[in-house]
């Protein structure tokens, strides 16, 4: 597996040698000071370019980054809204285990977006075209204080959809139960847990995507209760189908 230093040397070396690329910045977990580094962190890289067309048409230009295991073109997906003249991406899983989420974006597009994400860190700016950015912080993702309507609606949705879980279990409709539980019920629970954590920390922390960091802020007995609700399938669920 290529080291972080090797990856950054590669990413910046390509940018320095390509006149179409005028600047480079990074966002995501690698710029978040509160994230513990690990081998699964993506390299979320944005190349600021003059135009995107030549990158899109030259399909093999990304070969320079290394051997790929598989990849995705998000802007070419059926469900993805896109503006390929200003932003285009490649999500690449390499054979050595590294993953690169790379986008080429025009300067006008970048200037409209970059200040909306305080996790951005500028790595290269050939023309000094990018604004000065403050030190990266995850403040944009801190739990937000709820208003009364949000709290009441969340509680109502939790109890309403929990009834659907019971109904689905009685009918032995396991896929429906799992969807209702994981997509609807648990998301409301995590939102409320986030608000609890927010009040306890004066709303100065992030619980991460899908609440993945809530365990850091809960008492052990609270976390244990949450884990007990992860699998609520009856022990004989397999007998429904076999």
Foldseek 3Di string as FASTA:
>chain_A
DDDPVVLVCQVVVVQVPDPQFFWKKFFDDVQAPPDDDDLQDATEMETAGQWQVVVVVVVCPCCSSDAFPDKDWQCPDPPDDDDRRAKTWIWTQHPVGYTYTYMYGYLVVCQVPVVVAQRMDTDTGNPPSDDDHDRRYPLSQFQDADDPVVLVVLVVQQVVLVVVLVVCLVVLVVVSNVCSCQVGNVLSVLSVLSNVQCVVVVRRDHCDDVSVNSVVRDDPVVVVVVVVPPDPHDPCSVVVPD
